[in-house]
Amino acid sequence: MLEQNNVGTSCAVPNEASAEGGTNKDNELVLQLTVQLAEAINLQDRDLIAQLHETIRCVRQFDNHE
């Protein structure tokens, strides 16, 4: 189970939604997952890194099918 840690979770991530003409809320989930991925990379948690990469990939697939 993933825990959300809001302490020190700032990360510069390109906004793909604006490039595609979408709104910022379209990729809010992807943004949160990307921040968690950055934290997992910093912690060198390989299992969590793999889970987050796969989750982000799946969510992006759903975004593309709209």
PDB file of N, CA and C in Angstrom:
ATOM      1  N   MET A   1       0.845  -1.183   0.000  1.00  0.00           N
ATOM      2  CA  MET A   1       0.000   0.000   0.000  1.00  0.00           C
ATOM      3  C   MET A   1       0.887   1.242   0.000  1.00  0.00           C
ATOM      4  N   LEU A   2       0.522   2.206  -0.816  1.00  0.00           N
ATOM      5  CA  LEU A   2       1.305   3.421  -0.919  1.00  0.00           C
ATOM      6  C   LEU A   2       0.841   4.430   0.113  1.00  0.00           C
ATOM      7  N   GLU A   3       1.788   5.063   0.752  1.00  0.00           N
ATOM      8  CA  GLU A   3       1.462   6.114   1.701  1.00  0.00           C
ATOM      9  C   GLU A   3       1.777   7.452   1.070  1.00  0.00           C
ATOM     10  N   GLN A   4       0.952   8.433   1.370  1.00  0.00           N
ATOM     11  CA  GLN A   4       1.172   9.768   0.836  1.00  0.00           C
ATOM     12  C   GLN A   4       1.908  10.590   1.866  1.00  0.00           C
ATOM     13  N   ASN A   5       3.035  11.149   1.455  1.00  0.00           N
ATOM     14  CA  ASN A   5       3.835  11.990   2.333  1.00  0.00           C
ATOM     15  C   ASN A   5       3.875  13.375   1.731  1.00  0.00           C
ATOM     16  N   ASN A   6       3.207  14.338   2.372  1.00  0.00           N
ATOM     17  CA  ASN A   6       3.136  15.689   1.831  1.00  0.00           C
ATOM     18  C   ASN A   6       4.289  16.569   2.279  1.00  0.00           C
ATOM     19  N   VAL A   7       5.189  16.065   3.082  1.00  0.00           N
ATOM     20  CA  VAL A   7       6.296  16.859   3.585  1.00  0.00           C
ATOM     21  C   VAL A   7       7.415  16.839   2.553  1.00  0.00           C
ATOM     22  N   GLY A   8       7.749  18.004   2.039  1.00  0.00           N
ATOM     23  CA  GLY A   8       8.864  18.126   1.098  1.00  0.00           C
ATOM     24  C   GLY A   8       8.634  17.429  -0.220  1.00  0.00           C
ATOM     25  N   THR A   9       7.399  17.459  -0.737  1.00  0.00           N
ATOM     26  CA  THR A   9       7.114  16.765  -1.983  1.00  0.00           C
ATOM     27  C   THR A   9       6.986  17.737  -3.149  1.00  0.00           C
ATOM     28  N   SER A  10       7.963  18.602  -3.314  1.00  0.00           N
ATOM     29  CA  SER A  10       7.930  19.469  -4.481  1.00  0.00           C
ATOM     30  C   SER A  10       8.886  18.916  -5.523  1.00  0.00           C
ATOM     31  N   CYS A  11       8.421  18.916  -6.759  1.00  0.00           N
ATOM     32  CA  CYS A  11       9.218  18.336  -7.837  1.00  0.00           C
ATOM     33  C   CYS A  11       8.836  19.051  -9.125  1.00  0.00           C
ATOM     34  N   ALA A  12       9.816  19.412  -9.926  1.00  0.00           N
ATOM     35  CA  ALA A  12       9.536  20.061 -11.201  1.00  0.00           C
ATOM     36  C   ALA A  12       9.263  18.986 -12.241  1.00  0.00           C
ATOM     37  N   VAL A  13       8.021  18.954 -12.717  1.00  0.00           N
ATOM     38  CA  VAL A  13       7.608  17.965 -13.702  1.00  0.00           C
ATOM     39  C   VAL A  13       6.971  18.710 -14.862  1.00  0.00           C
ATOM     40  N   PRO A  14       7.360  18.392 -16.094  1.00  0.00           N
ATOM     41  CA  PRO A  14       6.750  19.080 -17.226  1.00  0.00           C
ATOM     42  C   PRO A  14       5.253  18.823 -17.270  1.00  0.00           C
ATOM     43  N   ASN A  15       4.498  19.841 -17.649  1.00  0.00           N
ATOM     44  CA  ASN A  15       3.051  19.720 -17.694  1.00  0.00           C
ATOM     45  C   ASN A  15       2.639  19.248 -19.074  1.00  0.00           C
ATOM     46  N   GLU A  16       2.393  17.951 -19.213  1.00  0.00           N
ATOM     47  CA  GLU A  16       2.029  17.381 -20.498  1.00  0.00           C
ATOM     48  C   GLU A  16       0.621  17.764 -20.895  1.00  0.00           C
ATOM     49  N   ALA A  17      -0.257  18.009 -19.930  1.00  0.00           N
ATOM     50  CA  ALA A  17      -1.648  18.321 -20.233  1.00  0.00           C
ATOM     51  C   ALA A  17      -1.759  19.620 -21.021  1.00  0.00           C
ATOM     52  N   SER A  18      -0.982  20.634 -20.656  1.00  0.00           N
ATOM     53  CA  SER A  18      -1.079  21.911 -21.357  1.00  0.00           C
ATOM     54  C   SER A  18      -0.567  21.782 -22.787  1.00  0.00           C
ATOM     55  N   ALA A  19       0.406  20.916 -23.022  1.00  0.00           N
ATOM     56  CA  ALA A  19       0.923  20.716 -24.368  1.00  0.00           C
ATOM     57  C   ALA A  19      -0.120  20.029 -25.252  1.00  0.00           C
ATOM     58  N   GLU A  20      -1.009  19.230 -24.649  1.00  0.00           N
ATOM     59  CA  GLU A  20      -2.027  18.517 -25.402  1.00  0.00           C
ATOM     60  C   GLU A  20      -3.338  19.278 -25.431  1.00  0.00           C
ATOM     61  N   GLY A  21      -3.380  20.479 -24.854  1.00  0.00           N
ATOM     62  CA  GLY A  21      -4.588  21.263 -24.845  1.00  0.00           C
ATOM     63  C   GLY A  21      -5.550  20.888 -23.730  1.00  0.00           C
ATOM     64  N   GLY A  22      -5.107  20.073 -22.773  1.00  0.00           N
ATOM     65  CA  GLY A  22      -5.964  19.676 -21.669  1.00  0.00           C
ATOM     66  C   GLY A  22      -5.841  20.642 -20.516  1.00  0.00           C
ATOM     67  N   THR A  23      -6.519  20.336 -19.429  1.00  0.00           N
ATOM     68  CA  THR A  23      -6.424  21.172 -18.244  1.00  0.00           C
ATOM     69  C   THR A  23      -5.403  20.587 -17.290  1.00  0.00           C
ATOM     70  N   ASN A  24      -5.010  21.381 -16.289  1.00  0.00           N
ATOM     71  CA  ASN A  24      -4.040  20.909 -15.312  1.00  0.00           C
ATOM     72  C   ASN A  24      -4.568  19.734 -14.509  1.00  0.00           C
ATOM     73  N   LYS A  25      -5.881  19.649 -14.324  1.00  0.00           N
ATOM     74  CA  LYS A  25      -6.457  18.566 -13.531  1.00  0.00           C
ATOM     75  C   LYS A  25      -6.390  17.237 -14.253  1.00  0.00           C
ATOM     76  N   ASP A  26      -6.221  17.244 -15.575  1.00  0.00           N
ATOM     77  CA  ASP A  26      -6.178  16.000 -16.330  1.00  0.00           C
ATOM     78  C   ASP A  26      -5.053  15.085 -15.868  1.00  0.00           C
ATOM     79  N   ASN A  27      -3.934  15.655 -15.521  1.00  0.00           N
ATOM     80  CA  ASN A  27      -2.785  14.841 -15.135  1.00  0.00           C
ATOM     81  C   ASN A  27      -2.414  15.014 -13.674  1.00  0.00           C
ATOM     82  N   GLU A  28      -3.370  15.399 -12.853  1.00  0.00           N
ATOM     83  CA  GLU A  28      -3.101  15.582 -11.430  1.00  0.00           C
ATOM     84  C   GLU A  28      -2.638  14.279 -10.782  1.00  0.00           C
ATOM     85  N   LEU A  29      -3.264  13.172 -11.159  1.00  0.00           N
ATOM     86  CA  LEU A  29      -2.879  11.869 -10.622  1.00  0.00           C
ATOM     87  C   LEU A  29      -1.468  11.500 -11.068  1.00  0.00           C
ATOM     88  N   VAL A  30      -1.180  11.713 -12.350  1.00  0.00           N
ATOM     89  CA  VAL A  30       0.159  11.408 -12.864  1.00  0.00           C
ATOM     90  C   VAL A  30       1.208  12.262 -12.161  1.00  0.00           C
ATOM     91  N   LEU A  31       0.886  13.513 -11.907  1.00  0.00           N
ATOM     92  CA  LEU A  31       1.814  14.400 -11.207  1.00  0.00           C
ATOM     93  C   LEU A  31       2.102  13.878  -9.797  1.00  0.00           C
ATOM     94  N   GLN A  32       1.062  13.491  -9.076  1.00  0.00           N
ATOM     95  CA  GLN A  32       1.249  12.967  -7.720  1.00  0.00           C
ATOM     96  C   GLN A  32       2.067  11.679  -7.742  1.00  0.00           C
ATOM     97  N   LEU A  33       1.786  10.804  -8.691  1.00  0.00           N
ATOM     98  CA  LEU A  33       2.540   9.558  -8.802  1.00  0.00           C
ATOM     99  C   LEU A  33       4.000   9.825  -9.166  1.00  0.00           C
ATOM    100  N   THR A  34       4.230  10.844 -10.001  1.00  0.00           N
ATOM    101  CA  THR A  34       5.595  11.194 -10.386  1.00  0.00           C
ATOM    102  C   THR A  34       6.382  11.732  -9.195  1.00  0.00           C
ATOM    103  N   VAL A  35       5.724  12.497  -8.342  1.00  0.00           N
ATOM    104  CA  VAL A  35       6.377  12.995  -7.128  1.00  0.00           C
ATOM    105  C   VAL A  35       6.731  11.819  -6.225  1.00  0.00           C
ATOM    106  N   GLN A  36       5.803  10.877  -6.085  1.00  0.00           N
ATOM    107  CA  GLN A  36       6.083   9.694  -5.266  1.00  0.00           C
ATOM    108  C   GLN A  36       7.206   8.870  -5.884  1.00  0.00           C
ATOM    109  N   LEU A  37       7.256   8.823  -7.214  1.00  0.00           N
ATOM    110  CA  LEU A  37       8.333   8.113  -7.893  1.00  0.00           C
ATOM    111  C   LEU A  37       9.684   8.753  -7.588  1.00  0.00           C
ATOM    112  N   ALA A  38       9.734  10.086  -7.607  1.00  0.00           N
ATOM    113  CA  ALA A  38      10.980  10.780  -7.280  1.00  0.00           C
ATOM    114  C   ALA A  38      11.426  10.452  -5.856  1.00  0.00           C
ATOM    115  N   GLU A  39      10.474  10.394  -4.935  1.00  0.00           N
ATOM    116  CA  GLU A  39      10.809  10.045  -3.553  1.00  0.00           C
ATOM    117  C   GLU A  39      11.329   8.609  -3.467  1.00  0.00           C
ATOM    118  N   ALA A  40      10.691   7.699  -4.191  1.00  0.00           N
ATOM    119  CA  ALA A  40      11.123   6.302  -4.183  1.00  0.00           C
ATOM    120  C   ALA A  40      12.526   6.165  -4.772  1.00  0.00           C
ATOM    121  N   ILE A  41      12.802   6.936  -5.815  1.00  0.00           N
ATOM    122  CA  ILE A  41      14.144   6.905  -6.416  1.00  0.00           C
ATOM    123  C   ILE A  41      15.168   7.413  -5.415  1.00  0.00           C
ATOM    124  N   ASN A  42      14.844   8.504  -4.715  1.00  0.00           N
ATOM    125  CA  ASN A  42      15.764   9.033  -3.706  1.00  0.00           C
ATOM    126  C   ASN A  42      16.000   8.039  -2.579  1.00  0.00           C
ATOM    127  N   LEU A  43      14.963   7.284  -2.231  1.00  0.00           N
ATOM    128  CA  LEU A  43      15.087   6.283  -1.169  1.00  0.00           C
ATOM    129  C   LEU A  43      15.653   4.958  -1.683  1.00  0.00           C
ATOM    130  N   GLN A  44      15.830   4.845  -2.989  1.00  0.00           N
ATOM    131  CA  GLN A  44      16.336   3.643  -3.652  1.00  0.00           C
ATOM    132  C   GLN A  44      15.487   2.417  -3.323  1.00  0.00           C
ATOM    133  N   ASP A  45      14.162   2.615  -3.319  1.00  0.00           N
ATOM    134  CA  ASP A  45      13.203   1.542  -3.066  1.00  0.00           C
ATOM    135  C   ASP A  45      12.807   0.941  -4.419  1.00  0.00           C
ATOM    136  N   ARG A  46      13.524  -0.096  -4.835  1.00  0.00           N
ATOM    137  CA  ARG A  46      13.353  -0.648  -6.180  1.00  0.00           C
ATOM    138  C   ARG A  46      11.967  -1.234  -6.420  1.00  0.00           C
ATOM    139  N   ASP A  47      11.389  -1.867  -5.415  1.00  0.00           N
ATOM    140  CA  ASP A  47      10.043  -2.422  -5.584  1.00  0.00           C
ATOM    141  C   ASP A  47       9.029  -1.312  -5.832  1.00  0.00           C
ATOM    142  N   LEU A  48       9.091  -0.254  -5.032  1.00  0.00           N
ATOM    143  CA  LEU A  48       8.167   0.862  -5.186  1.00  0.00           C
ATOM    144  C   LEU A  48       8.405   1.589  -6.507  1.00  0.00           C
ATOM    145  N   ILE A  49       9.661   1.722  -6.913  1.00  0.00           N
ATOM    146  CA  ILE A  49       9.976   2.360  -8.194  1.00  0.00           C
ATOM    147  C   ILE A  49       9.303   1.602  -9.334  1.00  0.00           C
ATOM    148  N   ALA A  50       9.415   0.280  -9.325  1.00  0.00           N
ATOM    149  CA  ALA A  50       8.810  -0.537 -10.380  1.00  0.00           C
ATOM    150  C   ALA A  50       7.289  -0.410 -10.367  1.00  0.00           C
ATOM    151  N   GLN A  51       6.696  -0.430  -9.181  1.00  0.00           N
ATOM    152  CA  GLN A  51       5.244  -0.308  -9.073  1.00  0.00           C
ATOM    153  C   GLN A  51       4.768   1.043  -9.596  1.00  0.00           C
ATOM    154  N   LEU A  52       5.471   2.097  -9.236  1.00  0.00           N
ATOM    155  CA  LEU A  52       5.060   3.435  -9.663  1.00  0.00           C
ATOM    156  C   LEU A  52       5.244   3.628 -11.165  1.00  0.00           C
ATOM    157  N   HIS A  53       6.341   3.112 -11.723  1.00  0.00           N
ATOM    158  CA  HIS A  53       6.533   3.200 -13.178  1.00  0.00           C
ATOM    159  C   HIS A  53       5.371   2.526 -13.903  1.00  0.00           C
ATOM    160  N   GLU A  54       4.992   1.342 -13.462  1.00  0.00           N
ATOM    161  CA  GLU A  54       3.909   0.610 -14.106  1.00  0.00           C
ATOM    162  C   GLU A  54       2.571   1.322 -13.914  1.00  0.00           C
ATOM    163  N   THR A  55       2.339   1.863 -12.741  1.00  0.00           N
ATOM    164  CA  THR A  55       1.092   2.585 -12.478  1.00  0.00           C
ATOM    165  C   THR A  55       0.990   3.817 -13.364  1.00  0.00           C
ATOM    166  N   ILE A  56       2.073   4.577 -13.468  1.00  0.00           N
ATOM    167  CA  ILE A  56       2.083   5.769 -14.318  1.00  0.00           C
ATOM    168  C   ILE A  56       1.840   5.383 -15.772  1.00  0.00           C
ATOM    169  N   ARG A  57       2.462   4.308 -16.219  1.00  0.00           N
ATOM    170  CA  ARG A  57       2.270   3.845 -17.594  1.00  0.00           C
ATOM    171  C   ARG A  57       0.800   3.512 -17.860  1.00  0.00           C
ATOM    172  N   CYS A  58       0.175   2.805 -16.938  1.00  0.00           N
ATOM    173  CA  CYS A  58      -1.231   2.421 -17.104  1.00  0.00           C
ATOM    174  C   CYS A  58      -2.157   3.634 -17.076  1.00  0.00           C
ATOM    175  N   VAL A  59      -1.921   4.559 -16.166  1.00  0.00           N
ATOM    176  CA  VAL A  59      -2.762   5.752 -16.077  1.00  0.00           C
ATOM    177  C   VAL A  59      -2.630   6.574 -17.350  1.00  0.00           C
ATOM    178  N   ARG A  60      -1.441   6.691 -17.887  1.00  0.00           N
ATOM    179  CA  ARG A  60      -1.244   7.443 -19.135  1.00  0.00           C
ATOM    180  C   ARG A  60      -1.963   6.773 -20.297  1.00  0.00           C
ATOM    181  N   GLN A  61      -2.020   5.435 -20.294  1.00  0.00           N
ATOM    182  CA  GLN A  61      -2.762   4.729 -21.339  1.00  0.00           C
ATOM    183  C   GLN A  61      -4.237   5.086 -21.275  1.00  0.00           C
ATOM    184  N   PHE A  62      -4.794   5.124 -20.067  1.00  0.00           N
ATOM    185  CA  PHE A  62      -6.195   5.498 -19.912  1.00  0.00           C
ATOM    186  C   PHE A  62      -6.430   6.941 -20.353  1.00  0.00           C
ATOM    187  N   ASP A  63      -5.485   7.831 -20.065  1.00  0.00           N
ATOM    188  CA  ASP A  63      -5.608   9.215 -20.492  1.00  0.00           C
ATOM    189  C   ASP A  63      -5.634   9.337 -22.006  1.00  0.00           C
ATOM    190  N   ASN A  64      -4.855   8.498 -22.683  1.00  0.00           N
ATOM    191  CA  ASN A  64      -4.773   8.557 -24.146  1.00  0.00           C
ATOM    192  C   ASN A  64      -5.997   7.986 -24.827  1.00  0.00           C
ATOM    193  N   HIS A  65      -6.810   7.199 -24.126  1.00  0.00           N
ATOM    194  CA  HIS A  65      -7.983   6.568 -24.745  1.00  0.00           C
ATOM    195  C   HIS A  65      -9.236   7.403 -24.634  1.00  0.00           C
ATOM    196  N   GLU A  66      -9.141   8.609 -24.088  1.00  0.00           N
ATOM    197  CA  GLU A  66     -10.332   9.460 -23.922  1.00  0.00           C
ATOM    198  C   GLU A  66     -10.851   9.968 -25.228  1.00  0.00           C
TER     199      GLU A  66
END
